[in-house]
N, C-alpha and C. Protein backbone atom coordinates (compact mmCIF):
# COMPACT_ATOMS: atom_id res chain seq x y z
N ILE A 1 -97.38 83.24 238.80
CA ILE A 1 -96.88 83.54 240.13
C ILE A 1 -96.25 82.27 240.71
N ILE A 2 -96.73 81.09 240.34
CA ILE A 2 -96.18 79.84 240.89
C ILE A 2 -94.75 79.62 240.27
N GLY A 3 -94.54 80.02 239.06
CA GLY A 3 -93.23 79.99 238.46
C GLY A 3 -92.22 80.90 239.11
N TYR A 4 -92.70 82.08 239.51
CA TYR A 4 -91.88 83.04 240.21
C TYR A 4 -91.49 82.43 241.58
N GLN A 5 -92.48 81.89 242.30
CA GLN A 5 -92.22 81.31 243.61
C GLN A 5 -91.25 80.11 243.52
N ALA A 6 -91.38 79.30 242.49
CA ALA A 6 -90.52 78.18 242.27
C ALA A 6 -89.09 78.61 242.13
N LYS A 7 -88.88 79.79 241.62
CA LYS A 7 -87.51 80.32 241.34
C LYS A 7 -87.01 81.11 242.51
N ASN A 8 -87.85 81.88 243.22
CA ASN A 8 -87.32 82.89 244.14
C ASN A 8 -87.69 82.64 245.61
N ALA A 9 -88.53 81.73 245.94
CA ALA A 9 -89.02 81.51 247.31
C ALA A 9 -87.94 80.76 248.14
N SER A 10 -88.28 80.54 249.40
CA SER A 10 -87.39 79.77 250.25
C SER A 10 -87.42 78.31 249.72
N THR A 11 -86.48 77.50 250.18
CA THR A 11 -86.34 76.18 249.65
C THR A 11 -87.59 75.33 249.96
N GLU A 12 -88.15 75.47 251.10
CA GLU A 12 -89.39 74.77 251.51
C GLU A 12 -90.52 75.12 250.53
N LEU A 13 -90.72 76.42 250.28
CA LEU A 13 -91.78 76.86 249.39
C LEU A 13 -91.54 76.42 247.95
N LYS A 14 -90.26 76.47 247.52
CA LYS A 14 -89.92 76.00 246.17
C LYS A 14 -90.34 74.61 245.96
N ILE A 15 -90.00 73.79 246.97
CA ILE A 15 -90.32 72.33 246.89
C ILE A 15 -91.84 72.15 246.75
N ARG A 16 -92.65 72.93 247.56
CA ARG A 16 -94.10 72.83 247.48
C ARG A 16 -94.62 73.28 246.16
N CYS A 17 -94.03 74.34 245.59
CA CYS A 17 -94.45 74.83 244.27
C CYS A 17 -94.14 73.78 243.19
N LEU A 18 -92.99 73.24 243.27
CA LEU A 18 -92.59 72.15 242.30
C LEU A 18 -93.49 70.93 242.39
N ASP A 19 -93.90 70.58 243.59
CA ASP A 19 -94.79 69.43 243.79
C ASP A 19 -96.18 69.81 243.19
N ALA A 20 -96.61 71.06 243.41
CA ALA A 20 -97.91 71.44 242.89
C ALA A 20 -97.90 71.49 241.37
N VAL A 21 -96.81 71.97 240.81
CA VAL A 21 -96.65 71.99 239.31
C VAL A 21 -96.69 70.54 238.78
N SER A 22 -96.02 69.67 239.43
CA SER A 22 -96.04 68.23 239.04
C SER A 22 -97.41 67.70 238.97
N SER A 23 -98.16 67.96 240.05
CA SER A 23 -99.54 67.46 240.18
C SER A 23 -100.45 67.98 239.13
N LEU A 24 -100.28 69.33 238.85
CA LEU A 24 -101.12 69.97 237.87
C LEU A 24 -100.84 69.49 236.44
N LEU A 25 -99.60 69.22 236.14
CA LEU A 25 -99.21 68.93 234.77
C LEU A 25 -99.21 67.45 234.35
N TYR A 26 -99.30 66.56 235.38
CA TYR A 26 -99.30 65.10 235.04
C TYR A 26 -100.62 64.79 234.35
N LEU A 27 -100.52 64.08 233.24
CA LEU A 27 -101.67 63.65 232.47
C LEU A 27 -101.50 62.23 232.05
N PRO A 28 -102.23 61.30 232.66
CA PRO A 28 -102.11 59.86 232.31
C PRO A 28 -102.36 59.63 230.81
N PRO A 29 -101.59 58.71 230.21
CA PRO A 29 -101.70 58.46 228.67
C PRO A 29 -103.17 58.30 228.26
N GLU A 30 -103.92 57.60 229.07
CA GLU A 30 -105.34 57.28 228.67
C GLU A 30 -106.25 58.56 228.61
N GLN A 31 -105.77 59.60 229.25
CA GLN A 31 -106.53 60.86 229.29
C GLN A 31 -105.98 61.92 228.38
N GLN A 32 -104.99 61.58 227.56
CA GLN A 32 -104.35 62.56 226.69
C GLN A 32 -105.15 62.84 225.43
N THR A 33 -106.11 63.73 225.57
CA THR A 33 -106.82 64.19 224.40
C THR A 33 -106.10 65.45 223.93
N ASP A 34 -106.38 65.89 222.66
CA ASP A 34 -105.75 67.08 222.12
C ASP A 34 -106.02 68.27 223.00
N ASP A 35 -107.25 68.42 223.48
CA ASP A 35 -107.59 69.55 224.32
C ASP A 35 -106.82 69.60 225.61
N LEU A 36 -106.73 68.41 226.29
CA LEU A 36 -106.02 68.35 227.59
C LEU A 36 -104.49 68.58 227.38
N LEU A 37 -103.96 68.03 226.25
CA LEU A 37 -102.52 68.19 225.99
C LEU A 37 -102.23 69.69 225.73
N ARG A 38 -103.13 70.35 225.01
CA ARG A 38 -102.97 71.79 224.75
C ARG A 38 -103.05 72.58 226.08
N MET A 39 -103.95 72.15 226.95
CA MET A 39 -104.11 72.79 228.25
C MET A 39 -102.82 72.65 229.11
N THR A 40 -102.27 71.44 229.23
CA THR A 40 -101.09 71.28 230.04
C THR A 40 -99.91 72.01 229.48
N GLU A 41 -99.85 72.00 228.08
CA GLU A 41 -98.74 72.77 227.45
C GLU A 41 -98.88 74.25 227.72
N SER A 42 -100.13 74.77 227.73
CA SER A 42 -100.38 76.13 227.98
C SER A 42 -100.02 76.48 229.43
N TRP A 43 -100.39 75.66 230.34
CA TRP A 43 -100.08 75.87 231.76
C TRP A 43 -98.56 75.94 231.93
N PHE A 44 -97.90 74.94 231.34
CA PHE A 44 -96.44 74.82 231.45
C PHE A 44 -95.78 76.11 230.88
N SER A 45 -96.22 76.51 229.73
CA SER A 45 -95.64 77.71 229.10
C SER A 45 -95.86 78.98 229.86
N SER A 46 -96.91 79.04 230.67
CA SER A 46 -97.27 80.27 231.36
C SER A 46 -96.44 80.40 232.69
N LEU A 47 -95.68 79.32 233.05
CA LEU A 47 -94.91 79.36 234.32
C LEU A 47 -93.79 80.34 234.32
N SER A 48 -93.14 80.50 233.16
CA SER A 48 -92.02 81.47 233.03
C SER A 48 -91.72 81.58 231.52
N PRO A 49 -90.85 82.58 231.20
CA PRO A 49 -90.52 82.73 229.82
C PRO A 49 -89.84 81.48 229.17
N ASP A 50 -89.07 80.74 229.99
CA ASP A 50 -88.47 79.47 229.54
C ASP A 50 -88.58 78.41 230.68
N PRO A 51 -89.76 77.85 230.79
CA PRO A 51 -89.97 76.94 232.01
C PRO A 51 -89.05 75.75 232.04
N LEU A 52 -88.68 75.15 230.88
CA LEU A 52 -87.79 74.05 230.84
C LEU A 52 -86.47 74.39 231.51
N GLU A 53 -85.93 75.55 231.10
CA GLU A 53 -84.65 75.99 231.71
C GLU A 53 -84.79 76.35 233.12
N LEU A 54 -85.93 76.91 233.53
CA LEU A 54 -86.20 77.26 234.94
C LEU A 54 -86.04 75.99 235.76
N PHE A 55 -86.75 74.94 235.40
CA PHE A 55 -86.70 73.73 236.18
C PHE A 55 -85.32 73.01 236.04
N ARG A 56 -84.70 73.11 234.86
CA ARG A 56 -83.38 72.53 234.73
C ARG A 56 -82.38 73.21 235.63
N GLY A 57 -82.51 74.50 235.74
CA GLY A 57 -81.65 75.32 236.70
C GLY A 57 -81.85 74.87 238.10
N ILE A 58 -83.13 74.73 238.51
CA ILE A 58 -83.44 74.25 239.87
C ILE A 58 -82.88 72.83 240.06
N SER A 59 -83.02 72.00 239.02
CA SER A 59 -82.55 70.60 239.22
C SER A 59 -80.99 70.51 239.31
N SER A 60 -80.32 71.54 238.89
CA SER A 60 -78.86 71.50 238.96
C SER A 60 -78.32 72.06 240.28
N GLN A 61 -79.21 72.52 241.15
CA GLN A 61 -78.78 73.01 242.40
C GLN A 61 -78.35 71.87 243.33
N PRO A 62 -77.39 72.10 244.26
CA PRO A 62 -76.86 70.96 245.04
C PRO A 62 -77.74 70.46 246.23
N PHE A 63 -78.98 70.81 246.19
CA PHE A 63 -79.84 70.41 247.27
C PHE A 63 -80.74 69.28 246.78
N PRO A 64 -80.53 68.04 247.29
CA PRO A 64 -81.24 66.84 246.81
C PRO A 64 -82.82 67.02 246.72
N GLU A 65 -83.37 67.75 247.76
CA GLU A 65 -84.88 67.94 247.79
C GLU A 65 -85.27 68.76 246.56
N LEU A 66 -84.58 69.80 246.31
CA LEU A 66 -84.94 70.66 245.09
C LEU A 66 -84.65 69.93 243.80
N HIS A 67 -83.53 69.26 243.77
CA HIS A 67 -83.17 68.44 242.59
C HIS A 67 -84.24 67.42 242.24
N CYS A 68 -84.65 66.69 243.22
CA CYS A 68 -85.67 65.65 243.06
C CYS A 68 -87.04 66.30 242.68
N ALA A 69 -87.39 67.38 243.31
CA ALA A 69 -88.66 68.04 243.01
C ALA A 69 -88.69 68.51 241.57
N ALA A 70 -87.59 69.02 241.08
CA ALA A 70 -87.53 69.52 239.67
C ALA A 70 -87.54 68.32 238.73
N LEU A 71 -86.91 67.22 239.03
CA LEU A 71 -86.93 66.05 238.19
C LEU A 71 -88.35 65.49 238.16
N LYS A 72 -89.08 65.65 239.30
CA LYS A 72 -90.51 65.21 239.32
C LYS A 72 -91.40 65.99 238.37
N VAL A 73 -91.08 67.27 238.13
CA VAL A 73 -91.79 68.09 237.17
C VAL A 73 -91.53 67.54 235.77
N PHE A 74 -90.27 67.20 235.46
CA PHE A 74 -89.93 66.68 234.15
C PHE A 74 -90.61 65.30 233.94
N THR A 75 -90.71 64.53 235.03
CA THR A 75 -91.34 63.20 235.00
C THR A 75 -92.82 63.39 234.71
N ALA A 76 -93.36 64.39 235.35
CA ALA A 76 -94.90 64.61 235.19
C ALA A 76 -95.26 64.89 233.70
N ILE A 77 -94.39 65.57 233.01
CA ILE A 77 -94.68 65.89 231.58
C ILE A 77 -94.05 64.99 230.63
N ALA A 78 -93.22 64.08 231.01
CA ALA A 78 -92.38 63.24 230.13
C ALA A 78 -93.16 62.39 229.15
N ASN A 79 -94.43 62.05 229.48
CA ASN A 79 -95.18 61.22 228.57
C ASN A 79 -96.04 62.02 227.59
N GLN A 80 -95.88 63.32 227.56
CA GLN A 80 -96.67 64.19 226.69
C GLN A 80 -95.83 64.65 225.52
N PRO A 81 -96.31 64.40 224.30
CA PRO A 81 -95.51 64.67 223.11
C PRO A 81 -94.97 66.11 223.04
N TRP A 82 -95.75 67.15 223.40
CA TRP A 82 -95.29 68.47 223.32
C TRP A 82 -94.04 68.69 224.26
N ALA A 83 -94.06 68.00 225.42
CA ALA A 83 -92.97 68.11 226.32
C ALA A 83 -91.73 67.38 225.84
N GLN A 84 -91.97 66.22 225.22
CA GLN A 84 -90.90 65.47 224.60
C GLN A 84 -90.17 66.27 223.55
N LYS A 85 -90.93 66.96 222.73
CA LYS A 85 -90.32 67.83 221.68
C LYS A 85 -89.53 68.94 222.31
N LEU A 86 -90.09 69.54 223.34
CA LEU A 86 -89.40 70.62 224.05
C LEU A 86 -88.02 70.09 224.62
N MET A 87 -88.07 68.97 225.27
CA MET A 87 -86.91 68.32 225.89
C MET A 87 -85.87 68.05 224.78
N PHE A 88 -86.34 67.41 223.74
CA PHE A 88 -85.43 67.01 222.65
C PHE A 88 -84.74 68.18 221.95
N ASN A 89 -85.49 69.24 221.82
CA ASN A 89 -84.96 70.45 221.13
C ASN A 89 -84.19 71.40 222.05
N SER A 90 -84.18 71.15 223.32
CA SER A 90 -83.42 71.94 224.29
C SER A 90 -81.97 71.43 224.28
N PRO A 91 -81.03 72.25 223.91
CA PRO A 91 -79.61 71.81 223.83
C PRO A 91 -79.10 71.16 225.15
N GLY A 92 -78.59 70.00 225.01
CA GLY A 92 -77.98 69.28 226.18
C GLY A 92 -78.97 68.58 227.05
N PHE A 93 -80.28 68.67 226.78
CA PHE A 93 -81.29 68.05 227.71
C PHE A 93 -81.21 66.55 227.72
N VAL A 94 -81.14 65.97 226.50
CA VAL A 94 -81.06 64.50 226.41
C VAL A 94 -79.82 63.98 227.09
N GLU A 95 -78.69 64.67 226.91
CA GLU A 95 -77.44 64.31 227.52
C GLU A 95 -77.56 64.38 229.06
N TYR A 96 -78.23 65.46 229.53
CA TYR A 96 -78.47 65.62 230.94
C TYR A 96 -79.27 64.45 231.54
N VAL A 97 -80.27 64.01 230.76
CA VAL A 97 -81.12 62.91 231.20
C VAL A 97 -80.27 61.61 231.34
N MET A 98 -79.42 61.41 230.38
CA MET A 98 -78.63 60.20 230.29
C MET A 98 -77.47 60.18 231.28
N ASP A 99 -77.06 61.41 231.78
CA ASP A 99 -75.79 61.50 232.55
C ASP A 99 -76.03 60.99 234.00
N ARG A 100 -75.41 59.90 234.37
CA ARG A 100 -75.57 59.31 235.65
C ARG A 100 -74.62 59.99 236.67
N SER A 101 -73.74 60.80 236.22
CA SER A 101 -72.70 61.44 237.19
C SER A 101 -73.31 62.62 237.94
N VAL A 102 -74.50 63.08 237.55
CA VAL A 102 -75.09 64.20 238.20
C VAL A 102 -75.70 63.88 239.53
N GLU A 103 -76.31 62.71 239.66
CA GLU A 103 -76.96 62.27 240.91
C GLU A 103 -75.99 61.55 241.81
N HIS A 104 -75.90 61.97 243.11
CA HIS A 104 -75.01 61.36 243.99
C HIS A 104 -75.72 60.62 245.17
N ASP A 105 -76.97 60.92 245.41
CA ASP A 105 -77.63 60.25 246.48
C ASP A 105 -78.78 59.38 245.96
N LYS A 106 -79.28 58.48 246.79
CA LYS A 106 -80.27 57.45 246.40
C LYS A 106 -81.52 58.12 245.88
N ALA A 107 -82.06 59.13 246.59
CA ALA A 107 -83.29 59.83 246.17
C ALA A 107 -83.13 60.47 244.78
N SER A 108 -82.04 61.05 244.52
CA SER A 108 -81.77 61.68 243.23
C SER A 108 -81.64 60.64 242.13
N LYS A 109 -80.98 59.55 242.40
CA LYS A 109 -80.88 58.44 241.39
C LYS A 109 -82.20 57.86 241.11
N ASP A 110 -83.04 57.67 242.12
CA ASP A 110 -84.39 57.16 242.00
C ASP A 110 -85.23 58.18 241.17
N ALA A 111 -85.17 59.44 241.44
CA ALA A 111 -85.91 60.48 240.75
C ALA A 111 -85.50 60.50 239.24
N LYS A 112 -84.23 60.46 238.93
CA LYS A 112 -83.77 60.44 237.57
C LYS A 112 -84.26 59.17 236.86
N TYR A 113 -84.24 58.05 237.59
CA TYR A 113 -84.68 56.78 236.96
C TYR A 113 -86.21 56.86 236.64
N GLU A 114 -86.96 57.44 237.46
CA GLU A 114 -88.40 57.61 237.21
C GLU A 114 -88.63 58.46 235.95
N LEU A 115 -87.75 59.48 235.75
CA LEU A 115 -87.85 60.32 234.56
C LEU A 115 -87.52 59.50 233.38
N VAL A 116 -86.47 58.74 233.45
CA VAL A 116 -86.01 57.88 232.27
C VAL A 116 -87.12 56.89 231.97
N LYS A 117 -87.70 56.34 233.06
CA LYS A 117 -88.79 55.30 232.84
C LYS A 117 -89.99 55.92 232.19
N ALA A 118 -90.39 57.13 232.62
CA ALA A 118 -91.51 57.80 231.98
C ALA A 118 -91.27 58.08 230.50
N LEU A 119 -90.07 58.52 230.20
CA LEU A 119 -89.73 58.76 228.80
C LEU A 119 -89.72 57.47 227.99
N ALA A 120 -89.01 56.46 228.49
CA ALA A 120 -88.79 55.24 227.73
C ALA A 120 -90.11 54.49 227.53
N ASN A 121 -91.02 54.62 228.41
CA ASN A 121 -92.29 53.84 228.29
C ASN A 121 -93.36 54.63 227.52
N SER A 122 -93.01 55.82 227.04
CA SER A 122 -93.96 56.59 226.27
C SER A 122 -94.09 56.06 224.85
N LYS A 123 -95.31 56.05 224.30
CA LYS A 123 -95.53 55.53 222.97
C LYS A 123 -94.90 56.44 221.89
N THR A 124 -94.73 57.66 222.17
CA THR A 124 -94.25 58.64 221.18
C THR A 124 -92.76 58.95 221.22
N ILE A 125 -92.04 58.36 222.23
CA ILE A 125 -90.64 58.80 222.44
C ILE A 125 -89.68 58.42 221.30
N ALA A 126 -89.85 57.20 220.73
CA ALA A 126 -88.90 56.72 219.75
C ALA A 126 -88.99 57.69 218.48
N GLU A 127 -90.24 58.05 218.16
CA GLU A 127 -90.45 58.98 217.02
C GLU A 127 -89.85 60.37 217.26
N ILE A 128 -90.09 60.87 218.52
CA ILE A 128 -89.63 62.24 218.80
C ILE A 128 -88.18 62.38 219.14
N PHE A 129 -87.66 61.45 219.99
CA PHE A 129 -86.24 61.47 220.37
C PHE A 129 -85.33 60.80 219.34
N GLY A 130 -85.92 59.96 218.47
CA GLY A 130 -85.12 59.24 217.48
C GLY A 130 -84.72 57.89 218.07
N ASN A 131 -84.50 56.91 217.20
CA ASN A 131 -84.22 55.55 217.70
C ASN A 131 -82.94 55.41 218.57
N PRO A 132 -81.86 56.07 218.12
CA PRO A 132 -80.62 55.94 219.02
C PRO A 132 -80.79 56.38 220.46
N ASN A 133 -81.49 57.53 220.60
CA ASN A 133 -81.79 58.01 221.93
C ASN A 133 -82.77 57.13 222.67
N TYR A 134 -83.73 56.63 221.98
CA TYR A 134 -84.69 55.70 222.54
C TYR A 134 -84.00 54.47 223.11
N LEU A 135 -83.06 53.96 222.32
CA LEU A 135 -82.31 52.78 222.74
C LEU A 135 -81.43 53.08 223.94
N ARG A 136 -80.86 54.28 224.02
CA ARG A 136 -80.11 54.68 225.15
C ARG A 136 -80.99 54.74 226.41
N LEU A 137 -82.18 55.27 226.27
CA LEU A 137 -83.14 55.28 227.36
C LEU A 137 -83.52 53.90 227.87
N ARG A 138 -83.75 52.97 226.87
CA ARG A 138 -84.05 51.57 227.23
C ARG A 138 -82.88 50.89 227.95
N THR A 139 -81.65 51.22 227.55
CA THR A 139 -80.45 50.65 228.15
C THR A 139 -80.35 51.17 229.60
N TYR A 140 -80.59 52.44 229.78
CA TYR A 140 -80.52 53.09 231.12
C TYR A 140 -81.56 52.36 231.99
N LEU A 141 -82.72 52.26 231.43
CA LEU A 141 -83.83 51.58 232.17
C LEU A 141 -83.49 50.13 232.63
N SER A 142 -82.88 49.36 231.65
CA SER A 142 -82.55 47.97 232.00
C SER A 142 -81.39 47.90 232.96
N GLU A 143 -80.50 48.87 232.99
CA GLU A 143 -79.37 48.89 233.92
C GLU A 143 -79.78 49.24 235.34
N GLY A 144 -80.94 49.90 235.49
CA GLY A 144 -81.39 50.31 236.81
C GLY A 144 -80.83 51.63 237.26
N PRO A 145 -81.39 52.10 238.37
CA PRO A 145 -81.04 53.46 238.87
C PRO A 145 -79.58 53.59 239.43
N TYR A 146 -78.97 52.44 239.85
CA TYR A 146 -77.72 52.56 240.57
C TYR A 146 -76.57 51.99 239.79
N TYR A 147 -76.75 51.82 238.47
CA TYR A 147 -75.68 51.24 237.69
C TYR A 147 -74.46 52.16 237.67
N VAL A 148 -73.32 51.48 237.76
CA VAL A 148 -72.02 52.16 237.67
C VAL A 148 -71.23 51.49 236.58
N LYS A 149 -70.76 52.25 235.62
CA LYS A 149 -70.01 51.71 234.51
C LYS A 149 -68.71 51.09 235.09
N PRO A 150 -68.45 49.80 234.77
CA PRO A 150 -67.18 49.25 235.30
C PRO A 150 -65.97 49.84 234.69
N VAL A 151 -64.93 50.07 235.52
CA VAL A 151 -63.69 50.63 235.05
C VAL A 151 -62.67 49.53 235.03
N SER A 152 -62.14 49.24 233.86
CA SER A 152 -61.18 48.17 233.82
C SER A 152 -59.75 48.71 234.15
N THR A 153 -59.04 47.93 234.87
CA THR A 153 -57.64 48.35 235.17
C THR A 153 -56.75 47.17 234.72
N THR A 154 -55.67 47.52 234.21
CA THR A 154 -54.77 46.52 233.75
C THR A 154 -53.48 46.52 234.63
N ALA A 155 -53.20 45.38 235.19
CA ALA A 155 -51.94 45.31 236.04
C ALA A 155 -50.77 45.09 235.12
N VAL A 156 -49.76 45.87 235.40
CA VAL A 156 -48.53 45.82 234.55
C VAL A 156 -47.39 45.34 235.44
N GLU A 157 -46.68 44.33 235.01
CA GLU A 157 -45.63 43.75 235.82
C GLU A 157 -44.55 44.81 236.08
N GLY A 158 -44.17 44.90 237.31
CA GLY A 158 -43.19 45.90 237.68
C GLY A 158 -43.66 47.27 237.96
N ALA A 159 -44.97 47.48 237.76
CA ALA A 159 -45.55 48.80 238.06
C ALA A 159 -45.77 48.92 239.50
N GLU A 160 -45.69 50.11 240.03
CA GLU A 160 -45.86 50.35 241.47
C GLU A 160 -47.29 50.71 241.76
């Protein structure tokens, strides 16, 4: 029912649902036993037929509060190997995480950065995402949440 509410309720209720899901699914690394990981995976799977796409869809809506709340769900599960495999195997998800052009406001940039940080600092990420993607995450992390790629312009004599 919480997955249904996260998709179909008013914006205010959606945000509350997403916050509740984040709180329920977060599992600190030192508490990640096989049983607890299976439990969080089971809870996540029971939210909807394709919960990763559900939250990705919510995160692509143009409302910063919803976008950030959905990113918070991804951040909550980002240090769990089952979630990393799900993210890695979801077409376009890694690119979505690395894409800085999606976030336009400070809160969204901060939320995306927290997701990248949670992934990059996980002990299992290099193995699951592969070394090239791990290095991209580390680069994103070192550049910070507000990095803008410099655009070089060349002045040409006589150009207007």
